[in-house]
Structures are given as structure tokens and as C-alpha cells.
């Protein structure tokens, strides 16, 4: 199964493409979609949409794993990220790709085994799971790979109900 992990944002959107076969995940490609600073929100959203369409068409994933939003302290940034996330979800829906959404806690639990793991632990496990020589950079790309790993591991869970239904772990 090919999984596209997406770490949503507005300035930098991480992506990671994994091929997963039960307990083995192989990194195909990772990187970021970047939008220029001092550009209108509408222009940034259009760029994100176009780049997402290119990713979806180029890699033809079977599923997309997207991080759910977590608002910390800066609500203004959160609203911009929500706009970007909405465009990402729209592109996936229009492409007909199944979308799975995971919280940061679920991602950490699936990748590290502990939902309150530190970022460095998640990054190290991404490197180990994918047998990479170093942690992928920038962090947004590594976060996207972690999202793809989270979905791959959810698929192997005994709680998974099948192709036509949601994971019961969600």
C-alpha cells in the first residue's frame, strides 16, 4: 500500500510517501511544499492545492494520512494552518483518495510507543523504521513520514476493520 503522509501548514507543508507491506515501510520520497512569505493567503492556498494535486497524481497513493490540528497558544497561526489543511483535504477528496486523520498523540503512540514522546524520539524512530542514514530534513518532512508510518501501523492493528471502513483506533 502506498501512503502519503501530510503535515499541514501554510508556509511549509511536509509530505512523505511510504510503501508499506505489513510490518515494513520503505520511504519513496519526502519533502515540503513551500509558499512564499508576504504572499496573499488566497495565493498560498492556490499553490498548496496545485502542489497537492501534483503529489497525488505523481505518486498515486492508496491513502492519505493527515495530522489533525492542535491549537497551542497562537490562534491566528492556527486559523491560517486550518485554511491550508482544508485545501489539502479538498485536493485529496477531489482525487478520490481515502483520507485518515490522526492526532499528534496517536502519531507518537504509533511511531514511538508512547503518546507523550519528545519530538527527537519521533524523529529518531522515523530514521530507524525507514532504515535511513539520518533524520529527514526539514522537520516538516519527517513529521509527514511519521504520519504515514502511523497509518501503516494502524492498518496492521487487529482493530482495523477492513478496506471499506475506518480504523477503529481513530
N, C-alpha and C. Protein backbone atom coordinates (compact mmCIF):
# COMPACT_ATOMS: atom_id res chain seq x y z
N UNK A 1 0.84 -1.17 0.00
CA UNK A 1 0.00 0.00 0.00
C UNK A 1 0.89 1.24 0.00
N UNK A 2 0.51 2.20 -0.79
CA UNK A 2 1.24 3.47 -0.83
C UNK A 2 0.48 4.49 0.01
N UNK A 3 1.21 5.13 0.95
CA UNK A 3 0.61 6.09 1.87
C UNK A 3 1.33 7.43 1.72
N UNK A 4 0.53 8.49 1.60
CA UNK A 4 1.06 9.85 1.57
C UNK A 4 0.75 10.49 2.91
N UNK A 5 1.78 10.80 3.68
CA UNK A 5 1.63 11.50 4.96
C UNK A 5 1.77 12.99 4.72
N UNK A 6 0.88 13.77 5.35
CA UNK A 6 0.90 15.22 5.19
C UNK A 6 0.91 15.89 6.55
N UNK A 7 1.91 16.76 6.75
CA UNK A 7 1.97 17.62 7.93
C UNK A 7 1.51 18.99 7.47
N UNK A 8 0.24 19.35 7.77
CA UNK A 8 -0.32 20.58 7.20
C UNK A 8 0.32 21.85 7.75
N UNK A 9 0.23 22.89 6.96
CA UNK A 9 0.73 24.19 7.33
C UNK A 9 0.28 25.20 6.31
N UNK A 10 0.84 26.38 6.36
CA UNK A 10 0.54 27.41 5.36
C UNK A 10 1.83 27.87 4.69
N UNK A 11 2.92 27.99 5.43
CA UNK A 11 4.21 28.38 4.85
C UNK A 11 4.97 27.15 4.38
N UNK A 12 4.94 26.08 5.19
CA UNK A 12 5.65 24.85 4.88
C UNK A 12 4.74 23.66 5.19
N UNK A 13 4.53 22.83 4.20
CA UNK A 13 3.69 21.64 4.33
C UNK A 13 4.59 20.44 4.08
N UNK A 14 4.74 19.59 5.08
CA UNK A 14 5.58 18.41 4.91
C UNK A 14 4.83 17.30 4.21
N UNK A 15 5.55 16.53 3.39
CA UNK A 15 4.95 15.33 2.80
C UNK A 15 5.95 14.19 2.85
N UNK A 16 5.41 12.99 3.00
CA UNK A 16 6.22 11.78 2.99
C UNK A 16 5.44 10.67 2.32
N UNK A 17 6.06 10.02 1.35
CA UNK A 17 5.42 8.92 0.63
C UNK A 17 6.10 7.63 1.05
N UNK A 18 5.29 6.70 1.56
CA UNK A 18 5.80 5.40 2.01
C UNK A 18 5.12 4.28 1.25
N UNK A 19 5.87 3.24 0.96
CA UNK A 19 5.29 1.98 0.52
C UNK A 19 5.32 1.07 1.74
N UNK A 20 4.16 0.54 2.10
CA UNK A 20 4.05 -0.27 3.29
C UNK A 20 3.54 -1.66 2.95
N UNK A 21 4.24 -2.65 3.47
CA UNK A 21 3.85 -4.04 3.28
C UNK A 21 3.86 -4.69 4.65
N UNK A 22 2.71 -4.70 5.29
CA UNK A 22 2.53 -5.22 6.65
C UNK A 22 3.47 -4.51 7.63
N UNK A 23 4.54 -5.15 8.06
CA UNK A 23 5.39 -4.55 9.09
C UNK A 23 6.59 -3.79 8.53
N UNK A 24 6.68 -3.64 7.21
CA UNK A 24 7.83 -2.98 6.61
C UNK A 24 7.40 -1.72 5.87
N UNK A 25 8.07 -0.62 6.16
CA UNK A 25 7.79 0.64 5.49
C UNK A 25 9.06 1.12 4.77
N UNK A 26 8.89 1.47 3.50
CA UNK A 26 10.00 1.94 2.68
C UNK A 26 9.68 3.36 2.23
N UNK A 27 10.59 4.28 2.52
CA UNK A 27 10.40 5.66 2.11
C UNK A 27 10.64 5.79 0.61
N UNK A 28 9.66 6.36 -0.08
CA UNK A 28 9.76 6.60 -1.52
C UNK A 28 10.28 8.01 -1.77
N UNK A 29 9.70 8.99 -1.08
CA UNK A 29 10.07 10.39 -1.29
C UNK A 29 9.53 11.21 -0.13
N UNK A 30 10.26 12.25 0.23
CA UNK A 30 9.76 13.19 1.22
C UNK A 30 10.26 14.58 0.86
N UNK A 31 9.58 15.56 1.43
CA UNK A 31 9.97 16.94 1.16
C UNK A 31 8.94 17.89 1.71
N UNK A 32 8.94 19.09 1.18
CA UNK A 32 7.98 20.10 1.63
C UNK A 32 7.42 20.87 0.44
N UNK A 33 6.21 21.33 0.64
CA UNK A 33 5.61 22.33 -0.22
C UNK A 33 5.84 23.65 0.51
N UNK A 34 6.43 24.61 -0.15
CA UNK A 34 6.69 25.91 0.48
C UNK A 34 5.92 26.99 -0.25
N UNK A 35 5.38 27.92 0.54
CA UNK A 35 4.72 29.08 -0.07
C UNK A 35 5.50 30.33 0.33
N UNK A 36 5.64 31.27 -0.58
CA UNK A 36 6.45 32.46 -0.29
C UNK A 36 5.82 33.35 0.79
N UNK A 37 6.68 33.88 1.63
CA UNK A 37 6.23 34.85 2.64
C UNK A 37 5.73 36.10 1.93
N UNK A 38 4.94 36.87 2.62
CA UNK A 38 4.40 38.13 2.10
C UNK A 38 3.57 37.93 0.83
N UNK A 39 2.95 36.75 0.73
CA UNK A 39 2.05 36.44 -0.37
C UNK A 39 0.65 36.37 0.22
N UNK A 40 -0.35 36.73 -0.55
CA UNK A 40 -1.72 36.69 -0.03
C UNK A 40 -2.10 35.25 0.34
N UNK A 41 -3.01 35.15 1.30
CA UNK A 41 -3.49 33.84 1.74
C UNK A 41 -4.09 33.09 0.56
N UNK A 42 -4.88 33.75 -0.26
CA UNK A 42 -5.51 33.09 -1.40
C UNK A 42 -4.46 32.52 -2.36
N UNK A 43 -3.39 33.26 -2.60
CA UNK A 43 -2.31 32.77 -3.48
C UNK A 43 -1.61 31.57 -2.87
N UNK A 44 -1.37 31.63 -1.57
CA UNK A 44 -0.73 30.50 -0.89
C UNK A 44 -1.61 29.25 -0.97
N UNK A 45 -2.91 29.41 -0.75
CA UNK A 45 -3.83 28.27 -0.80
C UNK A 45 -3.88 27.67 -2.20
N UNK A 46 -3.86 28.52 -3.22
CA UNK A 46 -3.86 28.03 -4.60
C UNK A 46 -2.59 27.22 -4.88
N UNK A 47 -1.46 27.70 -4.40
CA UNK A 47 -0.20 26.99 -4.59
C UNK A 47 -0.22 25.64 -3.88
N UNK A 48 -0.72 25.62 -2.65
CA UNK A 48 -0.83 24.36 -1.90
C UNK A 48 -1.72 23.38 -2.65
N UNK A 49 -2.85 23.85 -3.12
CA UNK A 49 -3.78 22.98 -3.85
C UNK A 49 -3.11 22.41 -5.10
N UNK A 50 -2.47 23.25 -5.89
CA UNK A 50 -1.82 22.80 -7.12
C UNK A 50 -0.72 21.79 -6.82
N UNK A 51 0.09 22.06 -5.82
CA UNK A 51 1.18 21.14 -5.47
C UNK A 51 0.65 19.82 -4.91
N UNK A 52 -0.43 19.89 -4.13
CA UNK A 52 -1.05 18.66 -3.62
C UNK A 52 -1.57 17.81 -4.79
N UNK A 53 -2.20 18.46 -5.76
CA UNK A 53 -2.70 17.74 -6.93
C UNK A 53 -1.55 17.05 -7.67
N UNK A 54 -0.41 17.74 -7.78
CA UNK A 54 0.78 17.13 -8.42
C UNK A 54 1.28 15.93 -7.63
N UNK A 55 1.34 16.06 -6.31
CA UNK A 55 1.77 14.93 -5.48
C UNK A 55 0.82 13.74 -5.64
N UNK A 56 -0.46 14.01 -5.58
CA UNK A 56 -1.47 12.94 -5.68
C UNK A 56 -1.41 12.26 -7.05
N UNK A 57 -1.24 13.05 -8.09
CA UNK A 57 -1.17 12.49 -9.44
C UNK A 57 0.14 11.75 -9.66
N UNK A 58 1.23 12.31 -9.15
CA UNK A 58 2.54 11.71 -9.38
C UNK A 58 2.79 10.43 -8.61
N UNK A 59 2.30 10.36 -7.36
CA UNK A 59 2.59 9.19 -6.52
C UNK A 59 1.41 8.23 -6.39
N UNK A 60 0.23 8.66 -6.76
CA UNK A 60 -0.97 7.82 -6.72
C UNK A 60 -1.09 7.01 -5.42
N UNK A 61 -1.18 7.70 -4.28
CA UNK A 61 -1.29 6.96 -3.02
C UNK A 61 -2.64 6.25 -2.88
N UNK A 62 -2.62 5.17 -2.10
CA UNK A 62 -3.86 4.46 -1.78
C UNK A 62 -4.59 5.14 -0.63
N UNK A 63 -3.84 5.86 0.20
CA UNK A 63 -4.40 6.54 1.36
C UNK A 63 -3.56 7.77 1.68
N UNK A 64 -4.21 8.75 2.30
CA UNK A 64 -3.51 9.95 2.77
C UNK A 64 -3.73 10.05 4.27
N UNK A 65 -2.65 10.25 4.99
CA UNK A 65 -2.68 10.40 6.44
C UNK A 65 -2.35 11.85 6.76
N UNK A 66 -3.29 12.55 7.39
CA UNK A 66 -3.15 13.98 7.66
C UNK A 66 -3.25 14.23 9.16
N UNK A 67 -2.40 15.11 9.66
CA UNK A 67 -2.45 15.44 11.08
C UNK A 67 -3.65 16.33 11.38
N UNK A 68 -4.35 15.98 12.45
CA UNK A 68 -5.43 16.84 12.93
C UNK A 68 -4.80 18.07 13.57
N UNK A 69 -5.52 19.17 13.54
CA UNK A 69 -4.99 20.40 14.10
C UNK A 69 -4.98 20.36 15.62
N UNK A 70 -3.92 20.94 16.15
CA UNK A 70 -3.78 21.08 17.60
C UNK A 70 -3.44 22.53 17.86
N UNK A 71 -4.35 23.24 18.49
CA UNK A 71 -4.12 24.66 18.79
C UNK A 71 -3.39 24.77 20.12
N UNK A 72 -2.24 25.40 20.08
CA UNK A 72 -1.47 25.60 21.28
C UNK A 72 -1.79 26.96 21.86
N UNK A 73 -1.05 27.97 21.49
CA UNK A 73 -1.29 29.31 22.03
C UNK A 73 -1.61 30.34 20.96
N UNK A 74 -1.09 30.18 19.75
CA UNK A 74 -1.27 31.19 18.72
C UNK A 74 -2.45 30.84 17.83
N UNK A 75 -3.61 31.37 18.16
CA UNK A 75 -4.83 31.06 17.42
C UNK A 75 -4.78 31.60 16.00
N UNK A 76 -4.11 32.72 15.77
CA UNK A 76 -4.01 33.31 14.43
C UNK A 76 -3.28 32.37 13.49
N UNK A 77 -2.15 31.83 13.93
CA UNK A 77 -1.41 30.86 13.13
C UNK A 77 -2.27 29.62 12.89
N UNK A 78 -2.98 29.20 13.93
CA UNK A 78 -3.85 28.03 13.82
C UNK A 78 -4.92 28.19 12.76
N UNK A 79 -5.47 29.38 12.65
CA UNK A 79 -6.51 29.62 11.65
C UNK A 79 -5.91 29.54 10.25
N UNK A 80 -4.73 30.10 10.04
CA UNK A 80 -4.07 30.00 8.73
C UNK A 80 -3.77 28.56 8.37
N UNK A 81 -3.28 27.80 9.34
CA UNK A 81 -2.98 26.39 9.12
C UNK A 81 -4.27 25.64 8.79
N UNK A 82 -5.37 26.00 9.44
CA UNK A 82 -6.65 25.36 9.16
C UNK A 82 -7.08 25.61 7.72
N UNK A 83 -6.84 26.82 7.22
CA UNK A 83 -7.13 27.10 5.81
C UNK A 83 -6.32 26.16 4.90
N UNK A 84 -5.04 26.05 5.18
CA UNK A 84 -4.17 25.18 4.39
C UNK A 84 -4.60 23.73 4.47
N UNK A 85 -4.96 23.30 5.67
CA UNK A 85 -5.41 21.91 5.87
C UNK A 85 -6.69 21.65 5.08
N UNK A 86 -7.58 22.63 5.05
CA UNK A 86 -8.82 22.48 4.29
C UNK A 86 -8.56 22.27 2.80
N UNK A 87 -7.61 23.01 2.26
CA UNK A 87 -7.25 22.87 0.85
C UNK A 87 -6.63 21.50 0.60
N UNK A 88 -5.82 21.03 1.53
CA UNK A 88 -5.20 19.70 1.42
C UNK A 88 -6.28 18.63 1.39
N UNK A 89 -7.24 18.72 2.31
CA UNK A 89 -8.33 17.75 2.34
C UNK A 89 -9.15 17.80 1.06
N UNK A 90 -9.39 19.01 0.55
CA UNK A 90 -10.14 19.16 -0.70
C UNK A 90 -9.43 18.48 -1.86
N UNK A 91 -8.12 18.70 -1.98
CA UNK A 91 -7.36 18.08 -3.07
C UNK A 91 -7.44 16.56 -2.99
N UNK A 92 -7.32 16.02 -1.79
CA UNK A 92 -7.38 14.56 -1.61
C UNK A 92 -8.77 14.03 -1.95
N UNK A 93 -9.79 14.73 -1.49
CA UNK A 93 -11.17 14.31 -1.77
C UNK A 93 -11.45 14.33 -3.27
N UNK A 94 -11.03 15.41 -3.94
CA UNK A 94 -11.25 15.52 -5.39
C UNK A 94 -10.50 14.44 -6.16
N UNK A 95 -9.35 14.00 -5.62
CA UNK A 95 -8.56 12.95 -6.27
C UNK A 95 -9.12 11.57 -5.98
N UNK A 96 -10.09 11.49 -5.07
CA UNK A 96 -10.70 10.20 -4.75
C UNK A 96 -9.85 9.31 -3.85
N UNK A 97 -8.96 9.93 -3.09
CA UNK A 97 -8.08 9.16 -2.21
C UNK A 97 -8.66 9.17 -0.79
N UNK A 98 -8.67 8.03 -0.16
CA UNK A 98 -9.19 7.91 1.21
C UNK A 98 -8.31 8.70 2.17
N UNK A 99 -8.95 9.48 3.04
CA UNK A 99 -8.25 10.35 3.98
C UNK A 99 -8.39 9.79 5.39
N UNK A 100 -7.27 9.73 6.10
CA UNK A 100 -7.26 9.31 7.50
C UNK A 100 -6.62 10.43 8.30
N UNK A 101 -7.21 10.75 9.44
CA UNK A 101 -6.72 11.86 10.25
C UNK A 101 -6.28 11.33 11.62
N UNK A 102 -5.12 11.81 12.06
CA UNK A 102 -4.55 11.36 13.33
C UNK A 102 -4.12 12.56 14.17
N UNK A 103 -4.28 12.42 15.47
CA UNK A 103 -3.83 13.45 16.40
C UNK A 103 -2.32 13.28 16.63
N UNK A 104 -1.65 14.31 17.10
CA UNK A 104 -0.22 14.16 17.43
C UNK A 104 0.01 13.04 18.44
N UNK A 105 -0.88 12.87 19.39
CA UNK A 105 -0.75 11.81 20.39
C UNK A 105 -0.80 10.43 19.73
N UNK A 106 -1.71 10.25 18.77
CA UNK A 106 -1.81 8.97 18.06
C UNK A 106 -0.56 8.69 17.24
N UNK A 107 -0.01 9.73 16.62
CA UNK A 107 1.20 9.55 15.82
C UNK A 107 2.36 9.12 16.71
N UNK A 108 2.54 9.81 17.82
CA UNK A 108 3.63 9.47 18.74
C UNK A 108 3.47 8.06 19.28
N UNK A 109 2.24 7.69 19.62
CA UNK A 109 1.97 6.34 20.14
C UNK A 109 2.33 5.28 19.10
N UNK A 110 1.95 5.51 17.85
CA UNK A 110 2.20 4.54 16.79
C UNK A 110 3.67 4.44 16.41
N UNK A 111 4.37 5.56 16.43
CA UNK A 111 5.77 5.57 15.97
C UNK A 111 6.74 5.23 17.09
N UNK A 112 6.52 5.79 18.28
CA UNK A 112 7.45 5.60 19.39
C UNK A 112 6.95 4.57 20.40
N UNK A 113 5.64 4.46 20.52
CA UNK A 113 5.07 3.57 21.53
C UNK A 113 4.66 4.30 22.78
N UNK A 114 4.79 5.63 22.75
CA UNK A 114 4.46 6.47 23.91
C UNK A 114 3.88 7.78 23.38
N UNK A 115 2.63 8.07 23.74
CA UNK A 115 1.92 9.22 23.22
C UNK A 115 2.45 10.57 23.63
N UNK A 116 3.29 10.60 24.65
CA UNK A 116 3.86 11.88 25.11
C UNK A 116 5.34 11.97 24.78
N UNK A 117 5.77 11.22 23.76
CA UNK A 117 7.18 11.21 23.36
C UNK A 117 7.63 12.59 22.91
N UNK A 118 8.91 12.84 23.07
CA UNK A 118 9.51 14.09 22.62
C UNK A 118 9.72 14.03 21.10
N UNK A 119 9.79 15.19 20.49
CA UNK A 119 9.98 15.29 19.04
C UNK A 119 11.24 14.54 18.58
N UNK A 120 12.32 14.67 19.33
CA UNK A 120 13.57 13.99 18.97
C UNK A 120 13.40 12.47 18.94
N UNK A 121 12.59 11.93 19.84
CA UNK A 121 12.34 10.49 19.85
C UNK A 121 11.58 10.07 18.59
N UNK A 122 10.59 10.86 18.20
CA UNK A 122 9.82 10.55 16.99
C UNK A 122 10.73 10.60 15.77
N UNK A 123 11.57 11.63 15.68
CA UNK A 123 12.48 11.76 14.54
C UNK A 123 13.45 10.58 14.46
N UNK A 124 13.97 10.17 15.61
CA UNK A 124 14.90 9.04 15.64
C UNK A 124 14.19 7.75 15.19
N UNK A 125 12.96 7.55 15.62
CA UNK A 125 12.23 6.35 15.22
C UNK A 125 11.88 6.37 13.74
N UNK A 126 11.58 7.53 13.18
CA UNK A 126 11.34 7.63 11.73
C UNK A 126 12.58 7.15 10.99
N UNK A 127 13.73 7.62 11.42
CA UNK A 127 15.00 7.20 10.81
C UNK A 127 15.18 5.69 10.91
N UNK A 128 14.93 5.13 12.08
CA UNK A 128 15.13 3.69 12.30
C UNK A 128 14.13 2.84 11.53
N UNK A 129 12.85 3.21 11.59
CA UNK A 129 11.80 2.43 10.94
C UNK A 129 12.01 2.37 9.44
N UNK A 130 12.42 3.49 8.86
CA UNK A 130 12.63 3.55 7.41
C UNK A 130 14.05 3.20 7.00
N UNK A 131 14.89 2.83 7.97
CA UNK A 131 16.28 2.46 7.72
C UNK A 131 17.02 3.54 6.92
N UNK A 132 16.92 4.77 7.41
CA UNK A 132 17.54 5.91 6.76
C UNK A 132 18.89 6.22 7.40
N UNK A 133 19.83 6.79 6.67
CA UNK A 133 21.13 7.12 7.25
C UNK A 133 21.06 8.28 8.25
N UNK A 134 20.06 9.16 8.09
CA UNK A 134 19.90 10.29 9.00
C UNK A 134 18.42 10.68 9.06
N UNK A 135 18.11 11.52 10.00
CA UNK A 135 16.75 12.02 10.14
C UNK A 135 16.43 12.92 8.94
N UNK A 136 15.29 12.69 8.29
CA UNK A 136 14.92 13.55 7.15
C UNK A 136 14.78 15.01 7.58
N UNK A 137 15.18 15.91 6.71
CA UNK A 137 15.07 17.35 6.95
C UNK A 137 14.29 17.98 5.83
N UNK A 138 13.56 19.02 6.03
CA UNK A 138 13.31 19.66 7.32
C UNK A 138 12.37 18.83 8.20
N UNK A 139 12.17 19.30 9.43
CA UNK A 139 11.33 18.57 10.38
C UNK A 139 9.93 18.30 9.85
N UNK A 140 9.40 19.21 9.04
CA UNK A 140 8.05 19.03 8.49
C UNK A 140 7.97 17.76 7.65
N UNK A 141 9.01 17.46 6.90
CA UNK A 141 9.04 16.25 6.08
C UNK A 141 9.09 15.01 6.98
N UNK A 142 9.91 15.07 8.02
CA UNK A 142 10.00 13.94 8.96
C UNK A 142 8.67 13.74 9.68
N UNK A 143 7.99 14.82 10.03
CA UNK A 143 6.67 14.71 10.66
C UNK A 143 5.68 14.04 9.72
N UNK A 144 5.75 14.37 8.44
CA UNK A 144 4.85 13.77 7.46
C UNK A 144 5.12 12.26 7.32
N UNK A 145 6.38 11.88 7.36
CA UNK A 145 6.72 10.46 7.30
C UNK A 145 6.15 9.75 8.53
N UNK A 146 6.25 10.39 9.70
CA UNK A 146 5.69 9.81 10.93
C UNK A 146 4.18 9.60 10.78
N UNK A 147 3.50 10.54 10.12
CA UNK A 147 2.06 10.37 9.89
C UNK A 147 1.79 9.17 8.99
N UNK A 148 2.60 8.98 7.97
CA UNK A 148 2.42 7.83 7.08
C UNK A 148 2.70 6.53 7.84
N UNK A 149 3.74 6.53 8.67
CA UNK A 149 4.04 5.34 9.49
C UNK A 149 2.88 5.05 10.43
N UNK A 150 2.31 6.08 11.02
CA UNK A 150 1.17 5.92 11.92
C UNK A 150 0.04 5.20 11.21
N UNK A 151 -0.26 5.61 10.00
CA UNK A 151 -1.34 4.95 9.27
C UNK A 151 -0.96 3.51 8.91
N UNK A 152 0.27 3.30 8.48
CA UNK A 152 0.71 1.94 8.14
C UNK A 152 0.57 1.01 9.34
N UNK A 153 0.93 1.50 10.50
CA UNK A 153 0.84 0.68 11.71
C UNK A 153 -0.60 0.49 12.16
N UNK A 154 -1.44 1.47 11.91
CA UNK A 154 -2.86 1.32 12.22
C UNK A 154 -3.49 0.24 11.35
N UNK A 155 -3.02 0.13 10.11
CA UNK A 155 -3.53 -0.88 9.19
C UNK A 155 -3.21 -2.30 9.65
N UNK A 156 -2.08 -2.47 10.33
CA UNK A 156 -1.69 -3.80 10.78
C UNK A 156 -2.29 -4.15 12.13
N UNK A 157 -3.00 -3.19 12.73
CA UNK A 157 -3.63 -3.43 14.03
C UNK A 157 -4.76 -4.43 13.89
N UNK A 158 -4.94 -5.24 14.89
CA UNK A 158 -6.06 -6.17 14.92
C UNK A 158 -7.39 -5.43 15.00
N UNK A 159 -7.35 -4.15 15.34
CA UNK A 159 -8.56 -3.37 15.45
C UNK A 159 -9.04 -2.84 14.10
N UNK A 160 -8.21 -2.96 13.06
CA UNK A 160 -8.58 -2.45 11.75
C UNK A 160 -9.70 -3.32 11.17
N UNK A 161 -10.73 -2.69 10.66
CA UNK A 161 -11.93 -3.40 10.22
C UNK A 161 -11.91 -3.80 8.75
N UNK A 162 -11.09 -3.20 7.94
CA UNK A 162 -11.05 -3.57 6.52
C UNK A 162 -10.96 -2.37 5.62
N UNK A 163 -10.89 -2.62 4.30
CA UNK A 163 -10.68 -1.57 3.32
C UNK A 163 -11.80 -0.54 3.26
N UNK A 164 -13.00 -0.94 3.52
CA UNK A 164 -14.14 -0.03 3.33
C UNK A 164 -14.57 0.67 4.60
N UNK A 165 -13.87 0.46 5.68
CA UNK A 165 -14.28 1.06 6.94
C UNK A 165 -13.12 1.78 7.58
N UNK A 166 -13.47 2.70 8.47
CA UNK A 166 -12.46 3.44 9.21
C UNK A 166 -11.70 2.52 10.16
N UNK A 167 -10.51 2.94 10.55
CA UNK A 167 -9.80 2.24 11.60
C UNK A 167 -10.52 2.51 12.92
N UNK A 168 -10.70 1.51 13.71
CA UNK A 168 -11.38 1.74 14.98
C UNK A 168 -10.47 2.44 15.99
N UNK A 169 -9.20 2.59 15.63
CA UNK A 169 -8.27 3.28 16.52
C UNK A 169 -8.36 4.79 16.36
N UNK A 170 -9.13 5.23 15.38
CA UNK A 170 -9.25 6.67 15.13
C UNK A 170 -10.36 7.22 15.98
